[in-house]
Amino acid sequence: MGELLEFGKVVLLVAAGFSLALASSELTARFPLPRPALFLFAAALASDLFPSLAEHVSIREVERIGVVALIVISTLRGTRCVAIRDNPTAVA
């Protein structure tokens, strides 16, 4: 029975992740925010609400995730700026 509960937890976490991805897609469609920025904000909020998360993730892992997220944010903003510059009729 314990194995089934573990599998159920994994399925629940994956479903929650997909739900958050869909919600962030809707939010970024309405507001000009990059999706990785929303996930960084959610991670910061989660770390404040649940301090026990620090026991499961090391500081080095958090730094790596943050660097990757910032690279993705910078890349997305840069490609959007280039697309707007190349197409003067595009609306920001």
PDB file of N, CA and C in Angstrom:
ATOM      1  N   MET A   1       0.818  -1.199   0.000  1.00  0.00           N
ATOM      2  CA  MET A   1       0.000   0.000   0.000  1.00  0.00           C
ATOM      3  C   MET A   1       0.864   1.266   0.000  1.00  0.00           C
ATOM      4  N   GLY A   2       2.049   1.206   0.645  1.00  0.00           N
ATOM      5  CA  GLY A   2       2.921   2.368   0.701  1.00  0.00           C
ATOM      6  C   GLY A   2       3.441   2.773  -0.664  1.00  0.00           C
ATOM      7  N   GLU A   3       3.705   1.785  -1.511  1.00  0.00           N
ATOM      8  CA  GLU A   3       4.196   2.068  -2.858  1.00  0.00           C
ATOM      9  C   GLU A   3       3.136   2.789  -3.688  1.00  0.00           C
ATOM     10  N   LEU A   4       1.891   2.409  -3.504  1.00  0.00           N
ATOM     11  CA  LEU A   4       0.789   3.047  -4.219  1.00  0.00           C
ATOM     12  C   LEU A   4       0.631   4.507  -3.791  1.00  0.00           C
ATOM     13  N   LEU A   5       0.798   4.752  -2.487  1.00  0.00           N
ATOM     14  CA  LEU A   5       0.711   6.132  -1.997  1.00  0.00           C
ATOM     15  C   LEU A   5       1.851   6.989  -2.548  1.00  0.00           C
ATOM     16  N   GLU A   6       3.037   6.436  -2.621  1.00  0.00           N
ATOM     17  CA  GLU A   6       4.170   7.169  -3.182  1.00  0.00           C
ATOM     18  C   GLU A   6       3.911   7.520  -4.650  1.00  0.00           C
ATOM     19  N   PHE A   7       3.389   6.551  -5.388  1.00  0.00           N
ATOM     20  CA  PHE A   7       3.067   6.805  -6.791  1.00  0.00           C
ATOM     21  C   PHE A   7       1.991   7.880  -6.910  1.00  0.00           C
ATOM     22  N   GLY A   8       1.003   7.822  -6.041  1.00  0.00           N
ATOM     23  CA  GLY A   8      -0.051   8.835  -6.040  1.00  0.00           C
ATOM     24  C   GLY A   8       0.502  10.224  -5.764  1.00  0.00           C
ATOM     25  N   LYS A   9       1.479  10.319  -4.864  1.00  0.00           N
ATOM     26  CA  LYS A   9       2.105  11.615  -4.580  1.00  0.00           C
ATOM     27  C   LYS A   9       2.839  12.153  -5.805  1.00  0.00           C
ATOM     28  N   VAL A  10       3.535  11.263  -6.510  1.00  0.00           N
ATOM     29  CA  VAL A  10       4.255  11.683  -7.715  1.00  0.00           C
ATOM     30  C   VAL A  10       3.272  12.174  -8.771  1.00  0.00           C
ATOM     31  N   VAL A  11       2.175  11.433  -8.963  1.00  0.00           N
ATOM     32  CA  VAL A  11       1.168  11.835  -9.948  1.00  0.00           C
ATOM     33  C   VAL A  11       0.551  13.178  -9.551  1.00  0.00           C
ATOM     34  N   LEU A  12       0.284  13.367  -8.280  1.00  0.00           N
ATOM     35  CA  LEU A  12      -0.272  14.635  -7.799  1.00  0.00           C
ATOM     36  C   LEU A  12       0.692  15.792  -8.043  1.00  0.00           C
ATOM     37  N   LEU A  13       1.970  15.591  -7.777  1.00  0.00           N
ATOM     38  CA  LEU A  13       2.959  16.653  -8.001  1.00  0.00           C
ATOM     39  C   LEU A  13       3.087  17.002  -9.483  1.00  0.00           C
ATOM     40  N   VAL A  14       3.091  15.991 -10.339  1.00  0.00           N
ATOM     41  CA  VAL A  14       3.177  16.248 -11.781  1.00  0.00           C
ATOM     42  C   VAL A  14       1.937  16.984 -12.266  1.00  0.00           C
ATOM     43  N   ALA A  15       0.769  16.572 -11.797  1.00  0.00           N
ATOM     44  CA  ALA A  15      -0.473  17.246 -12.188  1.00  0.00           C
ATOM     45  C   ALA A  15      -0.485  18.694 -11.694  1.00  0.00           C
ATOM     46  N   ALA A  16       0.000  18.915 -10.483  1.00  0.00           N
ATOM     47  CA  ALA A  16       0.073  20.281  -9.953  1.00  0.00           C
ATOM     48  C   ALA A  16       1.040  21.126 -10.784  1.00  0.00           C
ATOM     49  N   GLY A  17       2.149  20.520 -11.205  1.00  0.00           N
ATOM     50  CA  GLY A  17       3.104  21.246 -12.053  1.00  0.00           C
ATOM     51  C   GLY A  17       2.495  21.644 -13.382  1.00  0.00           C
ATOM     52  N   PHE A  18       1.765  20.734 -14.007  1.00  0.00           N
ATOM     53  CA  PHE A  18       1.106  21.058 -15.268  1.00  0.00           C
ATOM     54  C   PHE A  18       0.029  22.126 -15.066  1.00  0.00           C
ATOM     55  N   SER A  19      -0.692  22.052 -13.970  1.00  0.00           N
ATOM     56  CA  SER A  19      -1.701  23.068 -13.685  1.00  0.00           C
ATOM     57  C   SER A  19      -1.060  24.436 -13.502  1.00  0.00           C
ATOM     58  N   LEU A  20       0.067  24.473 -12.803  1.00  0.00           N
ATOM     59  CA  LEU A  20       0.775  25.744 -12.635  1.00  0.00           C
ATOM     60  C   LEU A  20       1.300  26.268 -13.966  1.00  0.00           C
ATOM     61  N   ALA A  21       1.757  25.372 -14.820  1.00  0.00           N
ATOM     62  CA  ALA A  21       2.246  25.792 -16.131  1.00  0.00           C
ATOM     63  C   ALA A  21       1.110  26.397 -16.957  1.00  0.00           C
ATOM     64  N   LEU A  22      -0.060  25.791 -16.907  1.00  0.00           N
ATOM     65  CA  LEU A  22      -1.212  26.334 -17.639  1.00  0.00           C
ATOM     66  C   LEU A  22      -1.642  27.676 -17.059  1.00  0.00           C
ATOM     67  N   ALA A  23      -1.641  27.773 -15.731  1.00  0.00           N
ATOM     68  CA  ALA A  23      -2.017  29.036 -15.093  1.00  0.00           C
ATOM     69  C   ALA A  23      -1.016  30.134 -15.430  1.00  0.00           C
ATOM     70  N   SER A  24       0.270  29.801 -15.449  1.00  0.00           N
ATOM     71  CA  SER A  24       1.265  30.820 -15.791  1.00  0.00           C
ATOM     72  C   SER A  24       1.139  31.229 -17.246  1.00  0.00           C
ATOM     73  N   SER A  25       0.736  30.306 -18.094  1.00  0.00           N
ATOM     74  CA  SER A  25       0.523  30.641 -19.502  1.00  0.00           C
ATOM     75  C   SER A  25      -0.609  31.650 -19.638  1.00  0.00           C
ATOM     76  N   GLU A  26      -1.675  31.441 -18.894  1.00  0.00           N
ATOM     77  CA  GLU A  26      -2.793  32.389 -18.920  1.00  0.00           C
ATOM     78  C   GLU A  26      -2.379  33.749 -18.361  1.00  0.00           C
ATOM     79  N   LEU A  27      -1.609  33.724 -17.279  1.00  0.00           N
ATOM     80  CA  LEU A  27      -1.182  34.977 -16.664  1.00  0.00           C
ATOM     81  C   LEU A  27      -0.264  35.769 -17.588  1.00  0.00           C
ATOM     82  N   THR A  28       0.666  35.081 -18.242  1.00  0.00           N
ATOM     83  CA  THR A  28       1.594  35.788 -19.118  1.00  0.00           C
ATOM     84  C   THR A  28       0.912  36.246 -20.403  1.00  0.00           C
ATOM     85  N   ALA A  29      -0.212  35.647 -20.743  1.00  0.00           N
ATOM     86  CA  ALA A  29      -0.957  36.120 -21.908  1.00  0.00           C
ATOM     87  C   ALA A  29      -1.628  37.456 -21.598  1.00  0.00           C
ATOM     88  N   ARG A  30      -1.984  37.654 -20.341  1.00  0.00           N
ATOM     89  CA  ARG A  30      -2.663  38.899 -19.949  1.00  0.00           C
ATOM     90  C   ARG A  30      -1.702  39.997 -19.511  1.00  0.00           C
ATOM     91  N   PHE A  31      -0.600  39.598 -18.898  1.00  0.00           N
ATOM     92  CA  PHE A  31       0.379  40.563 -18.399  1.00  0.00           C
ATOM     93  C   PHE A  31       1.729  40.286 -19.049  1.00  0.00           C
ATOM     94  N   PRO A  32       2.500  41.316 -19.382  1.00  0.00           N
ATOM     95  CA  PRO A  32       3.794  41.104 -20.055  1.00  0.00           C
ATOM     96  C   PRO A  32       4.890  40.665 -19.092  1.00  0.00           C
ATOM     97  N   LEU A  33       4.743  39.451 -18.557  1.00  0.00           N
ATOM     98  CA  LEU A  33       5.741  38.895 -17.649  1.00  0.00           C
ATOM     99  C   LEU A  33       6.294  37.608 -18.243  1.00  0.00           C
ATOM    100  N   PRO A  34       7.599  37.390 -18.162  1.00  0.00           N
ATOM    101  CA  PRO A  34       8.136  36.108 -18.625  1.00  0.00           C
ATOM    102  C   PRO A  34       7.762  34.995 -17.643  1.00  0.00           C
ATOM    103  N   ARG A  35       7.477  33.820 -18.169  1.00  0.00           N
ATOM    104  CA  ARG A  35       7.065  32.687 -17.333  1.00  0.00           C
ATOM    105  C   ARG A  35       8.107  32.312 -16.290  1.00  0.00           C
ATOM    106  N   PRO A  36       9.398  32.267 -16.624  1.00  0.00           N
ATOM    107  CA  PRO A  36      10.374  31.912 -15.585  1.00  0.00           C
ATOM    108  C   PRO A  36      10.369  32.881 -14.407  1.00  0.00           C
ATOM    109  N   ALA A  37      10.031  34.139 -14.644  1.00  0.00           N
ATOM    110  CA  ALA A  37       9.964  35.098 -13.542  1.00  0.00           C
ATOM    111  C   ALA A  37       8.854  34.720 -12.571  1.00  0.00           C
ATOM    112  N   LEU A  38       7.738  34.220 -13.102  1.00  0.00           N
ATOM    113  CA  LEU A  38       6.655  33.775 -12.234  1.00  0.00           C
ATOM    114  C   LEU A  38       7.082  32.584 -11.389  1.00  0.00           C
ATOM    115  N   PHE A  39       7.839  31.658 -11.991  1.00  0.00           N
ATOM    116  CA  PHE A  39       8.298  30.505 -11.233  1.00  0.00           C
ATOM    117  C   PHE A  39       9.328  30.907 -10.178  1.00  0.00           C
ATOM    118  N   LEU A  40      10.169  31.897 -10.471  1.00  0.00           N
ATOM    119  CA  LEU A  40      11.100  32.393  -9.459  1.00  0.00           C
ATOM    120  C   LEU A  40      10.346  33.029  -8.295  1.00  0.00           C
ATOM    121  N   PHE A  41       9.308  33.789  -8.627  1.00  0.00           N
ATOM    122  CA  PHE A  41       8.487  34.404  -7.582  1.00  0.00           C
ATOM    123  C   PHE A  41       7.791  33.333  -6.748  1.00  0.00           C
ATOM    124  N   ALA A  42       7.259  32.301  -7.404  1.00  0.00           N
ATOM    125  CA  ALA A  42       6.588  31.215  -6.682  1.00  0.00           C
ATOM    126  C   ALA A  42       7.567  30.472  -5.783  1.00  0.00           C
ATOM    127  N   ALA A  43       8.787  30.264  -6.256  1.00  0.00           N
ATOM    128  CA  ALA A  43       9.793  29.582  -5.441  1.00  0.00           C
ATOM    129  C   ALA A  43      10.170  30.426  -4.224  1.00  0.00           C
ATOM    130  N   ALA A  44      10.297  31.728  -4.409  1.00  0.00           N
ATOM    131  CA  ALA A  44      10.616  32.612  -3.286  1.00  0.00           C
ATOM    132  C   ALA A  44       9.483  32.610  -2.268  1.00  0.00           C
ATOM    133  N   LEU A  45       8.259  32.616  -2.750  1.00  0.00           N
ATOM    134  CA  LEU A  45       7.102  32.583  -1.864  1.00  0.00           C
ATOM    135  C   LEU A  45       7.033  31.251  -1.104  1.00  0.00           C
ATOM    136  N   ALA A  46       7.288  30.160  -1.806  1.00  0.00           N
ATOM    137  CA  ALA A  46       7.256  28.842  -1.163  1.00  0.00           C
ATOM    138  C   ALA A  46       8.335  28.717  -0.094  1.00  0.00           C
ATOM    139  N   SER A  47       9.514  29.263  -0.360  1.00  0.00           N
ATOM    140  CA  SER A  47      10.589  29.168   0.637  1.00  0.00           C
ATOM    141  C   SER A  47      10.271  29.986   1.879  1.00  0.00           C
ATOM    142  N   ASP A  48       9.523  31.075   1.720  1.00  0.00           N
ATOM    143  CA  ASP A  48       9.125  31.857   2.887  1.00  0.00           C
ATOM    144  C   ASP A  48       7.996  31.181   3.662  1.00  0.00           C
ATOM    145  N   LEU A  49       7.086  30.552   2.950  1.00  0.00           N
ATOM    146  CA  LEU A  49       5.947  29.908   3.608  1.00  0.00           C
ATOM    147  C   LEU A  49       6.321  28.567   4.246  1.00  0.00           C
ATOM    148  N   PHE A  50       7.258  27.846   3.628  1.00  0.00           N
ATOM    149  CA  PHE A  50       7.665  26.523   4.111  1.00  0.00           C
ATOM    150  C   PHE A  50       9.180  26.498   4.319  1.00  0.00           C
ATOM    151  N   PRO A  51       9.669  26.948   5.472  1.00  0.00           N
ATOM    152  CA  PRO A  51      11.114  26.974   5.713  1.00  0.00           C
ATOM    153  C   PRO A  51      11.756  25.586   5.703  1.00  0.00           C
ATOM    154  N   SER A  52      10.971  24.522   5.883  1.00  0.00           N
ATOM    155  CA  SER A  52      11.536  23.171   5.891  1.00  0.00           C
ATOM    156  C   SER A  52      12.012  22.737   4.510  1.00  0.00           C
ATOM    157  N   LEU A  53      11.693  23.492   3.470  1.00  0.00           N
ATOM    158  CA  LEU A  53      12.173  23.166   2.123  1.00  0.00           C
ATOM    159  C   LEU A  53      13.691  23.239   2.036  1.00  0.00           C
ATOM    160  N   ALA A  54      14.299  24.028   2.903  1.00  0.00           N
ATOM    161  CA  ALA A  54      15.754  24.179   2.890  1.00  0.00           C
ATOM    162  C   ALA A  54      16.466  22.871   3.212  1.00  0.00           C
ATOM    163  N   GLU A  55      15.785  21.962   3.899  1.00  0.00           N
ATOM    164  CA  GLU A  55      16.387  20.675   4.229  1.00  0.00           C
ATOM    165  C   GLU A  55      16.490  19.759   3.016  1.00  0.00           C
ATOM    166  N   HIS A  56      15.672  19.989   2.007  1.00  0.00           N
ATOM    167  CA  HIS A  56      15.601  19.086   0.857  1.00  0.00           C
ATOM    168  C   HIS A  56      16.417  19.558  -0.345  1.00  0.00           C
ATOM    169  N   VAL A  57      16.716  20.841  -0.403  1.00  0.00           N
ATOM    170  CA  VAL A  57      17.441  21.397  -1.544  1.00  0.00           C
ATOM    171  C   VAL A  57      18.643  22.176  -1.023  1.00  0.00           C
ATOM    172  N   SER A  58      19.809  21.895  -1.585  1.00  0.00           N
ATOM    173  CA  SER A  58      21.011  22.589  -1.132  1.00  0.00           C
ATOM    174  C   SER A  58      21.087  23.988  -1.749  1.00  0.00           C
ATOM    175  N   ILE A  59      21.917  24.809  -1.157  1.00  0.00           N
ATOM    176  CA  ILE A  59      22.090  26.177  -1.645  1.00  0.00           C
ATOM    177  C   ILE A  59      22.675  26.169  -3.055  1.00  0.00           C
ATOM    178  N   ARG A  60      23.587  25.257  -3.329  1.00  0.00           N
ATOM    179  CA  ARG A  60      24.183  25.167  -4.667  1.00  0.00           C
ATOM    180  C   ARG A  60      23.115  24.844  -5.716  1.00  0.00           C
ATOM    181  N   GLU A  61      22.195  23.946  -5.408  1.00  0.00           N
ATOM    182  CA  GLU A  61      21.121  23.614  -6.354  1.00  0.00           C
ATOM    183  C   GLU A  61      20.222  24.821  -6.605  1.00  0.00           C
ATOM    184  N   VAL A  62      19.938  25.567  -5.550  1.00  0.00           N
ATOM    185  CA  VAL A  62      19.116  26.770  -5.696  1.00  0.00           C
ATOM    186  C   VAL A  62      19.826  27.794  -6.577  1.00  0.00           C
ATOM    187  N   GLU A  63      21.129  27.954  -6.374  1.00  0.00           N
ATOM    188  CA  GLU A  63      21.899  28.886  -7.206  1.00  0.00           C
ATOM    189  C   GLU A  63      21.858  28.466  -8.671  1.00  0.00           C
ATOM    190  N   ARG A  64      21.996  27.188  -8.940  1.00  0.00           N
ATOM    191  CA  ARG A  64      21.976  26.703 -10.319  1.00  0.00           C
ATOM    192  C   ARG A  64      20.620  26.928 -10.959  1.00  0.00           C
ATOM    193  N   ILE A  65      19.561  26.644 -10.224  1.00  0.00           N
ATOM    194  CA  ILE A  65      18.206  26.870 -10.759  1.00  0.00           C
ATOM    195  C   ILE A  65      18.000  28.346 -11.051  1.00  0.00           C
ATOM    196  N   GLY A  66      18.458  29.208 -10.143  1.00  0.00           N
ATOM    197  CA  GLY A  66      18.315  30.651 -10.341  1.00  0.00           C
ATOM    198  C   GLY A  66      19.074  31.146 -11.553  1.00  0.00           C
ATOM    199  N   VAL A  67      20.282  30.645 -11.761  1.00  0.00           N
ATOM    200  CA  VAL A  67      21.074  31.061 -12.925  1.00  0.00           C
ATOM    201  C   VAL A  67      20.401  30.635 -14.222  1.00  0.00           C
ATOM    202  N   VAL A  68      19.916  29.404 -14.264  1.00  0.00           N
ATOM    203  CA  VAL A  68      19.234  28.928 -15.471  1.00  0.00           C
ATOM    204  C   VAL A  68      17.972  29.746 -15.730  1.00  0.00           C
ATOM    205  N   ALA A  69      17.213  30.033 -14.687  1.00  0.00           N
ATOM    206  CA  ALA A  69      15.992  30.826 -14.862  1.00  0.00           C
ATOM    207  C   ALA A  69      16.316  32.229 -15.372  1.00  0.00           C
ATOM    208  N   LEU A  70      17.358  32.849 -14.837  1.00  0.00           N
ATOM    209  CA  LEU A  70      17.722  34.187 -15.296  1.00  0.00           C
ATOM    210  C   LEU A  70      18.217  34.177 -16.744  1.00  0.00           C
ATOM    211  N   ILE A  71      18.920  33.118 -17.138  1.00  0.00           N
ATOM    212  CA  ILE A  71      19.352  33.005 -18.537  1.00  0.00           C
ATOM    213  C   ILE A  71      18.142  32.886 -19.450  1.00  0.00           C
ATOM    214  N   VAL A  72      17.178  32.068 -19.044  1.00  0.00           N
ATOM    215  CA  VAL A  72      15.963  31.903 -19.860  1.00  0.00           C
ATOM    216  C   VAL A  72      15.189  33.214 -19.939  1.00  0.00           C
ATOM    217  N   ILE A  73      15.054  33.917 -18.815  1.00  0.00           N
ATOM    218  CA  ILE A  73      14.355  35.207 -18.819  1.00  0.00           C
ATOM    219  C   ILE A  73      15.047  36.187 -19.743  1.00  0.00           C
ATOM    220  N   SER A  74      16.369  36.276 -19.652  1.00  0.00           N
ATOM    221  CA  SER A  74      17.124  37.207 -20.502  1.00  0.00           C
ATOM    222  C   SER A  74      16.981  36.852 -21.976  1.00  0.00           C
ATOM    223  N   THR A  75      17.038  35.572 -22.287  1.00  0.00           N
ATOM    224  CA  THR A  75      16.917  35.132 -23.672  1.00  0.00           C
ATOM    225  C   THR A  75      15.538  35.455 -24.223  1.00  0.00           C
ATOM    226  N   LEU A  76      14.502  35.181 -23.441  1.00  0.00           N
ATOM    227  CA  LEU A  76      13.139  35.450 -23.911  1.00  0.00           C
ATOM    228  C   LEU A  76      12.911  36.945 -24.127  1.00  0.00           C
ATOM    229  N   ARG A  77      13.398  37.752 -23.208  1.00  0.00           N
ATOM    230  CA  ARG A  77      13.223  39.201 -23.365  1.00  0.00           C
ATOM    231  C   ARG A  77      14.022  39.705 -24.559  1.00  0.00           C
ATOM    232  N   GLY A  78      15.210  39.148 -24.769  1.00  0.00           N
ATOM    233  CA  GLY A  78      16.033  39.576 -25.901  1.00  0.00           C
ATOM    234  C   GLY A  78      15.406  39.207 -27.231  1.00  0.00           C
ATOM    235  N   THR A  79      14.856  38.014 -27.349  1.00  0.00           N
ATOM    236  CA  THR A  79      14.230  37.623 -28.613  1.00  0.00           C
ATOM    237  C   THR A  79      12.970  38.427 -28.866  1.00  0.00           C
ATOM    238  N   ARG A  80      12.269  38.786 -27.813  1.00  0.00           N
ATOM    239  CA  ARG A  80      11.069  39.609 -27.996  1.00  0.00           C
ATOM    240  C   ARG A  80      11.448  41.015 -28.461  1.00  0.00           C
ATOM    241  N   CYS A  81      12.520  41.566 -27.885  1.00  0.00           N
ATOM    242  CA  CYS A  81      12.960  42.905 -28.296  1.00  0.00           C
ATOM    243  C   CYS A  81      13.423  42.895 -29.747  1.00  0.00           C
ATOM    244  N   VAL A  82      14.118  41.853 -30.163  1.00  0.00           N
ATOM    245  CA  VAL A  82      14.572  41.756 -31.550  1.00  0.00           C
ATOM    246  C   VAL A  82      13.378  41.616 -32.484  1.00  0.00           C
ATOM    247  N   ALA A  83      12.391  40.832 -32.100  1.00  0.00           N
ATOM    248  CA  ALA A  83      11.201  40.651 -32.930  1.00  0.00           C
ATOM    249  C   ALA A  83      10.456  41.972 -33.083  1.00  0.00           C
ATOM    250  N   ILE A  84      10.374  42.752 -32.037  1.00  0.00           N
ATOM    251  CA  ILE A  84       9.684  44.034 -32.115  1.00  0.00           C
ATOM    252  C   ILE A  84      10.497  45.019 -32.967  1.00  0.00           C
ATOM    253  N   ARG A  85      11.823  44.979 -32.818  1.00  0.00           N
ATOM    254  CA  ARG A  85      12.659  45.889 -33.593  1.00  0.00           C
ATOM    255  C   ARG A  85      12.582  45.554 -35.081  1.00  0.00           C
ATOM    256  N   ASP A  86      12.561  44.268 -35.424  1.00  0.00           N
ATOM    257  CA  ASP A  86      12.521  43.852 -36.817  1.00  0.00           C
ATOM    258  C   ASP A  86      11.159  44.055 -37.472  1.00  0.00           C
ATOM    259  N   ASN A  87      10.109  44.126 -36.675  1.00  0.00           N
ATOM    260  CA  ASN A  87       8.772  44.298 -37.202  1.00  0.00           C
ATOM    261  C   ASN A  87       8.169  45.552 -36.577  1.00  0.00           C
ATOM    262  N   PRO A  88       8.258  46.688 -37.223  1.00  0.00           N
ATOM    263  CA  PRO A  88       7.804  47.932 -36.615  1.00  0.00           C
ATOM    264  C   PRO A  88       6.301  47.972 -36.370  1.00  0.00           C
ATOM    265  N   THR A  89       5.544  47.108 -37.019  1.00  0.00           N
ATOM    266  CA  THR A  89       4.089  47.126 -36.802  1.00  0.00           C
ATOM    267  C   THR A  89       3.690  46.271 -35.609  1.00  0.00           C
ATOM    268  N   ALA A  90       4.646  45.570 -34.994  1.00  0.00           N
ATOM    269  CA  ALA A  90       4.342  44.739 -33.837  1.00  0.00           C
ATOM    270  C   ALA A  90       4.018  45.619 -32.637  1.00  0.00           C
ATOM    271  N   VAL A  91       3.097  45.146 -31.825  1.00  0.00           N
ATOM    272  CA  VAL A  91       2.705  45.870 -30.627  1.00  0.00           C
ATOM    273  C   VAL A  91       3.397  45.247 -29.443  1.00  0.00           C
ATOM    274  N   ALA A  92       4.020  46.074 -28.618  1.00  0.00           N
ATOM    275  CA  ALA A  92       4.768  45.557 -27.448  1.00  0.00           C
ATOM    276  C   ALA A  92       3.853  44.994 -26.407  1.00  0.00           C
TER     277      ALA A  92
END
